[in-house]
Amino acid sequence: MTVIQHSDPPNERIVVVERLELPDAQGAQLGLVRLDEPDRLNPLSWAAFRQLHAGLAELEADDAVRVVAITGTGRAFSAGGDLRAYLTLQRDPVALPRYFDDVAEALEMPSSMGKPVIALVNGVAVGGGLELVLSCDFAIAARSARLGDGHANFGQMGGGGALSVLPQVIGLPRAKELTFSGRLLGSAEALAWGLVNRVVEDDELMAAALDFGVEVAGHSPLALAEAKRVMTQNARSAAAAQVERETVMRYLLTSHDAPEGLRAFAEKRRPHFTGR
């Protein structure tokens, strides 16, 4: 198995792009996009969203790459948004819409690509991490993975699919339970709920992606791209996603509870939500 590293110096990157040769597939490759801030549990900062979009676009343009996988380094897929940065960002009416535009571009990229995109959930996937999982065509989870919305724990709301895509994936009642409670699902429960397609042992996660890549490499890229386009267009609602983003931005910019949740996180105390 050959690993082809991204050309940028790794110390300038928080999202790394790699290419893995698929066995006996005549040069076909699996493109791997990896969130690479393990000490911080791979937060989805503004820079991370931009680099994620750029990495996916790079792999989409590479004809040798037949399947793309997204994962995280270390013990997390992604623990979600960068809450420390949100304290300032969520009170900036100019920067916040620009941020949400970049978030939307990044999270819409997997479904708009002509290649299958798999989420390899190697650990905790919460908040924005869960939304990144939902943006992929399907997910394979490691046995130790835990998934959940978690926004409500910090006075936040999902703005990248937790409110519009999650109900389509697991059904409205379960989506409401997950959103309202803020709890995390273990991998077995996530499988039972339909949030992930398969659960494998932790050390078998990449092998599962490579095996799928070998299967895909034998099919027509055009046929798969067209099949994906039809299924995605029929399943995803652009209007619902827009309502989600607009509602969340208004809440973040005007409410008491959104900054209170962030301050409580920073101060390591319980938040005092007032409903305003």
Protein backbone atom coordinates (compact mmCIF):
# COMPACT_ATOMS: atom_id res chain seq x y z
CA MET A 1 0.00 0.00 0.00
CA THR A 2 1.55 3.29 -1.12
CA VAL A 3 0.85 6.52 0.76
CA ILE A 4 1.19 9.73 -1.28
CA GLN A 5 1.34 12.71 1.05
CA HIS A 6 -0.13 16.14 0.31
CA SER A 7 2.50 18.51 -1.05
CA ASP A 8 1.96 21.26 1.54
CA PRO A 9 4.22 21.21 4.63
CA PRO A 10 2.33 19.36 7.38
CA ASN A 11 2.95 22.08 9.97
CA GLU A 12 0.90 24.48 7.85
CA ARG A 13 -2.02 22.08 7.53
CA ILE A 14 -4.79 21.08 9.92
CA VAL A 15 -6.47 18.99 7.23
CA VAL A 16 -4.22 16.48 5.49
CA VAL A 17 -4.87 14.89 2.10
CA GLU A 18 -3.41 11.49 1.27
CA ARG A 19 -3.80 8.95 -1.51
CA LEU A 20 -3.76 5.21 -0.85
CA GLU A 21 -3.20 2.76 -3.68
CA LEU A 22 -6.03 0.24 -3.98
CA PRO A 23 -4.76 -3.37 -4.19
CA ASP A 24 -5.04 -4.96 -7.65
CA ALA A 25 -7.01 -1.99 -9.00
CA GLN A 26 -4.75 -0.90 -11.89
CA GLY A 27 -3.52 2.27 -10.22
CA ALA A 28 -6.85 3.38 -8.76
CA GLN A 29 -6.61 5.17 -5.42
CA LEU A 30 -8.57 5.93 -2.29
CA GLY A 31 -8.38 9.62 -1.43
CA LEU A 32 -8.18 10.24 2.30
CA VAL A 33 -8.99 13.57 3.96
CA ARG A 34 -7.90 13.61 7.57
CA LEU A 35 -8.63 16.20 10.26
CA ASP A 36 -5.27 16.54 11.94
CA GLU A 37 -5.43 18.33 15.30
CA PRO A 38 -5.60 15.29 17.60
CA ASP A 39 -4.62 17.17 20.77
CA ARG A 40 -7.79 19.29 20.39
CA LEU A 41 -9.97 16.39 19.16
CA ASN A 42 -9.95 17.77 15.60
CA PRO A 43 -12.15 20.86 15.99
CA LEU A 44 -13.91 22.17 12.90
CA SER A 45 -12.54 25.71 12.90
CA TRP A 46 -13.12 28.17 10.07
CA ALA A 47 -9.71 27.25 8.65
CA ALA A 48 -10.54 23.55 8.91
CA PHE A 49 -13.72 24.00 6.87
CA ARG A 50 -11.81 25.89 4.17
CA GLN A 51 -9.06 23.28 4.04
CA LEU A 52 -11.63 20.48 4.03
CA HIS A 53 -13.31 22.01 0.98
CA ALA A 54 -9.97 22.49 -0.79
CA GLY A 55 -8.89 18.92 -0.07
CA LEU A 56 -12.11 17.43 -1.35
CA ALA A 57 -11.96 19.58 -4.50
CA GLU A 58 -8.41 18.37 -5.10
CA LEU A 59 -9.47 14.72 -4.88
CA GLU A 60 -12.56 15.28 -7.02
CA ALA A 61 -10.32 16.58 -9.83
CA ASP A 62 -7.98 13.56 -9.65
CA ASP A 63 -9.21 10.82 -12.00
CA ALA A 64 -7.03 8.21 -10.28
CA VAL A 65 -9.02 8.68 -7.06
CA ARG A 66 -12.14 6.53 -7.25
CA VAL A 67 -13.38 6.76 -3.63
CA VAL A 68 -12.86 9.41 -0.95
CA ALA A 69 -12.86 8.86 2.81
CA ILE A 70 -12.92 11.43 5.61
CA THR A 71 -11.56 10.63 9.07
CA GLY A 72 -9.73 12.14 12.04
CA THR A 73 -6.31 11.66 13.59
CA GLY A 74 -6.12 10.20 17.07
CA ARG A 75 -9.09 9.33 19.27
CA ALA A 76 -11.65 11.63 17.64
CA PHE A 77 -13.29 12.01 14.27
CA SER A 78 -14.19 15.55 15.34
CA ALA A 79 -15.52 16.92 18.62
CA GLY A 80 -17.28 19.67 16.66
CA GLY A 81 -16.92 23.40 16.21
CA ASP A 82 -14.21 25.57 17.71
CA LEU A 83 -16.15 26.87 20.74
CA ARG A 84 -13.38 29.22 21.81
CA ALA A 85 -13.50 31.06 18.48
CA TYR A 86 -17.31 31.19 18.56
CA LEU A 87 -17.29 33.62 21.51
CA THR A 88 -16.16 36.39 19.17
CA LEU A 89 -17.47 35.09 15.85
CA GLN A 90 -21.07 34.70 16.97
CA ARG A 91 -21.34 38.38 17.85
CA ASP A 92 -19.96 39.58 14.51
CA PRO A 93 -22.85 40.18 12.04
CA VAL A 94 -20.42 40.60 9.13
CA ALA A 95 -18.11 37.63 9.72
CA LEU A 96 -20.75 35.12 10.84
CA PRO A 97 -22.61 34.91 7.48
CA ARG A 98 -19.26 34.55 5.69
CA TYR A 99 -18.35 31.74 8.08
CA PHE A 100 -21.64 29.95 7.43
CA ASP A 101 -21.10 30.29 3.67
CA ASP A 102 -17.75 28.50 4.03
CA VAL A 103 -19.30 25.87 6.31
CA ALA A 104 -22.05 25.24 3.75
CA GLU A 105 -19.52 24.99 0.92
CA ALA A 106 -17.47 22.42 2.82
CA LEU A 107 -20.40 20.32 4.03
CA GLU A 108 -22.16 20.37 0.66
CA MET A 109 -19.02 19.28 -1.17
CA PRO A 110 -19.19 15.53 -0.34
CA SER A 111 -22.71 15.15 -1.74
CA SER A 112 -21.90 17.21 -4.85
CA MET A 113 -18.85 15.12 -5.74
CA GLY A 114 -19.15 12.48 -8.43
CA LYS A 115 -17.24 9.95 -6.31
CA PRO A 116 -18.48 8.03 -3.28
CA VAL A 117 -17.47 9.76 -0.04
CA ILE A 118 -17.31 7.69 3.17
CA ALA A 119 -17.07 8.93 6.73
CA LEU A 120 -14.67 6.73 8.70
CA VAL A 121 -15.77 7.47 12.26
CA ASN A 122 -12.68 6.59 14.27
CA GLY A 123 -13.82 8.09 17.58
CA VAL A 124 -16.13 10.76 18.93
CA ALA A 125 -18.18 12.66 16.30
CA VAL A 126 -20.21 15.41 17.95
CA GLY A 127 -21.93 18.60 16.79
CA GLY A 128 -20.18 19.71 13.63
CA GLY A 129 -18.41 16.36 13.61
CA LEU A 130 -21.77 14.63 13.32
CA GLU A 131 -22.80 17.06 10.58
CA LEU A 132 -19.64 16.15 8.67
CA VAL A 133 -20.59 12.47 8.98
CA LEU A 134 -24.07 13.30 7.67
CA SER A 135 -22.61 15.14 4.69
CA CYS A 136 -20.95 11.94 3.44
CA ASP A 137 -22.68 9.27 1.37
CA PHE A 138 -22.51 6.83 4.27
CA ALA A 139 -20.45 6.05 7.35
CA ILE A 140 -18.42 3.16 8.72
CA ALA A 141 -17.77 3.39 12.46
CA ALA A 142 -15.06 1.95 14.64
CA ARG A 143 -16.29 -0.07 17.60
CA SER A 144 -15.18 2.69 19.99
CA ALA A 145 -16.93 5.48 18.08
CA ARG A 146 -19.57 7.66 19.74
CA LEU A 147 -21.86 9.97 17.81
CA GLY A 148 -24.32 12.67 18.80
CA ASP A 149 -25.53 16.20 18.20
CA GLY A 150 -24.43 17.85 21.44
CA HIS A 151 -25.17 21.44 20.38
CA ALA A 152 -27.82 21.88 23.09
CA ASN A 153 -25.28 21.17 25.84
CA PHE A 154 -23.63 24.53 25.06
CA GLY A 155 -26.67 26.60 24.10
CA GLN A 156 -25.96 26.08 20.42
CA MET A 157 -27.95 24.87 17.40
CA GLY A 158 -26.79 22.75 14.49
CA GLY A 159 -26.46 24.80 11.32
CA GLY A 160 -24.85 22.32 8.95
CA GLY A 161 -27.35 19.48 8.71
CA ALA A 162 -28.18 18.45 12.28
CA LEU A 163 -31.64 19.99 11.91
CA SER A 164 -32.30 19.30 8.23
CA VAL A 165 -30.41 16.14 7.25
CA LEU A 166 -30.42 14.15 10.51
CA PRO A 167 -34.25 13.67 10.52
CA GLN A 168 -34.04 12.27 6.98
CA VAL A 169 -31.34 9.80 7.98
CA ILE A 170 -32.67 8.41 11.28
CA GLY A 171 -36.29 9.61 11.29
CA LEU A 172 -37.87 12.63 12.96
CA PRO A 173 -38.59 11.20 16.45
CA ARG A 174 -35.07 9.85 16.89
CA ALA A 175 -33.55 13.04 15.52
CA LYS A 176 -35.54 15.07 18.03
CA GLU A 177 -34.46 12.81 20.88
CA LEU A 178 -30.80 13.10 19.90
CA THR A 179 -31.03 16.89 19.49
CA PHE A 180 -33.00 17.58 22.66
CA SER A 181 -31.00 15.27 24.93
CA GLY A 182 -27.49 16.06 23.71
CA ARG A 183 -26.45 12.49 24.45
CA LEU A 184 -24.02 10.38 22.46
CA LEU A 185 -24.78 7.04 20.84
CA GLY A 186 -22.33 4.18 21.02
CA SER A 187 -21.44 2.52 17.73
CA ALA A 188 -23.92 -0.34 18.17
CA GLU A 189 -26.82 2.02 18.82
CA ALA A 190 -25.75 4.29 15.96
CA LEU A 191 -25.86 1.23 13.70
CA ALA A 192 -29.31 0.23 14.96
CA TRP A 193 -30.59 3.77 14.36
CA GLY A 194 -29.22 3.85 10.81
CA LEU A 195 -26.71 6.60 11.52
CA VAL A 196 -23.83 4.41 10.32
CA ASN A 197 -23.88 1.55 7.80
CA ARG A 198 -21.40 -0.74 9.46
CA VAL A 199 -19.31 -1.16 12.62
CA VAL A 200 -15.85 -2.70 12.52
CA GLU A 201 -13.06 -3.19 15.02
CA ASP A 202 -10.98 -0.06 15.55
CA ASP A 203 -7.94 -1.43 13.74
CA GLU A 204 -10.03 -2.55 10.75
CA LEU A 205 -11.52 0.82 9.84
CA MET A 206 -9.11 1.73 7.05
CA ALA A 207 -9.15 -1.81 5.68
CA ALA A 208 -12.95 -1.56 5.36
CA ALA A 209 -12.59 1.63 3.33
CA LEU A 210 -9.95 0.07 1.07
CA ASP A 211 -12.12 -3.01 0.52
CA PHE A 212 -15.00 -0.77 -0.54
CA GLY A 213 -12.65 1.16 -2.81
CA VAL A 214 -11.59 -2.04 -4.56
CA GLU A 215 -15.25 -2.87 -5.21
CA VAL A 216 -15.94 0.59 -6.61
CA ALA A 217 -12.82 0.64 -8.80
CA GLY A 218 -14.34 -2.08 -10.98
CA HIS A 219 -17.42 0.00 -11.83
CA SER A 220 -18.02 2.80 -14.31
CA PRO A 221 -17.12 6.16 -12.69
CA LEU A 222 -19.74 7.89 -14.83
CA ALA A 223 -22.52 5.46 -13.90
CA LEU A 224 -21.76 5.86 -10.19
CA ALA A 225 -21.58 9.65 -10.46
CA GLU A 226 -24.95 9.83 -12.21
CA ALA A 227 -26.57 7.40 -9.78
CA LYS A 228 -25.26 9.44 -6.85
CA ARG A 229 -26.48 12.70 -8.38
CA VAL A 230 -30.04 11.40 -8.83
CA MET A 231 -30.25 9.89 -5.34
CA THR A 232 -28.79 13.00 -3.69
CA GLN A 233 -31.04 15.44 -5.53
CA ASN A 234 -34.11 13.44 -4.56
CA ALA A 235 -33.09 13.13 -0.91
CA ARG A 236 -31.59 16.51 0.01
CA SER A 237 -33.62 19.71 0.36
CA ALA A 238 -31.74 22.93 -0.36
CA ALA A 239 -34.66 24.93 1.04
CA ALA A 240 -34.53 23.08 4.38
CA ALA A 241 -30.78 23.64 4.63
CA GLN A 242 -31.26 27.38 3.99
CA VAL A 243 -33.95 27.64 6.69
CA GLU A 244 -31.60 25.85 9.09
CA ARG A 245 -28.71 28.25 8.45
CA GLU A 246 -30.84 31.40 8.63
CA THR A 247 -32.54 30.32 11.87
CA VAL A 248 -29.26 29.40 13.52
CA MET A 249 -27.53 32.65 12.53
CA ARG A 250 -30.40 34.73 13.93
CA TYR A 251 -30.28 32.77 17.19
CA LEU A 252 -26.51 33.08 17.54
CA LEU A 253 -26.45 36.81 16.85
CA THR A 254 -29.38 37.84 19.04
CA SER A 255 -29.90 35.41 21.92
CA HIS A 256 -28.66 35.42 25.51
CA ASP A 257 -28.32 31.63 25.68
CA ALA A 258 -25.84 31.13 22.82
CA PRO A 259 -23.00 33.21 24.33
CA GLU A 260 -23.92 32.01 27.83
CA GLY A 261 -23.28 28.42 26.77
CA LEU A 262 -19.92 29.37 25.31
CA ARG A 263 -18.88 31.40 28.36
CA ALA A 264 -19.84 28.51 30.63
CA PHE A 265 -17.70 26.16 28.53
CA ALA A 266 -14.73 28.55 28.72
CA GLU A 267 -15.17 29.04 32.48
CA LYS A 268 -15.76 25.33 33.13
CA ARG A 269 -19.10 25.84 34.86
CA ARG A 270 -22.73 24.89 34.26
CA PRO A 271 -24.57 27.29 31.95
CA HIS A 272 -27.54 29.32 33.15
CA PHE A 273 -29.98 29.39 30.24
CA THR A 274 -32.89 31.82 30.40
CA GLY A 275 -34.71 31.07 27.14
CA ARG A 276 -33.96 34.50 25.75
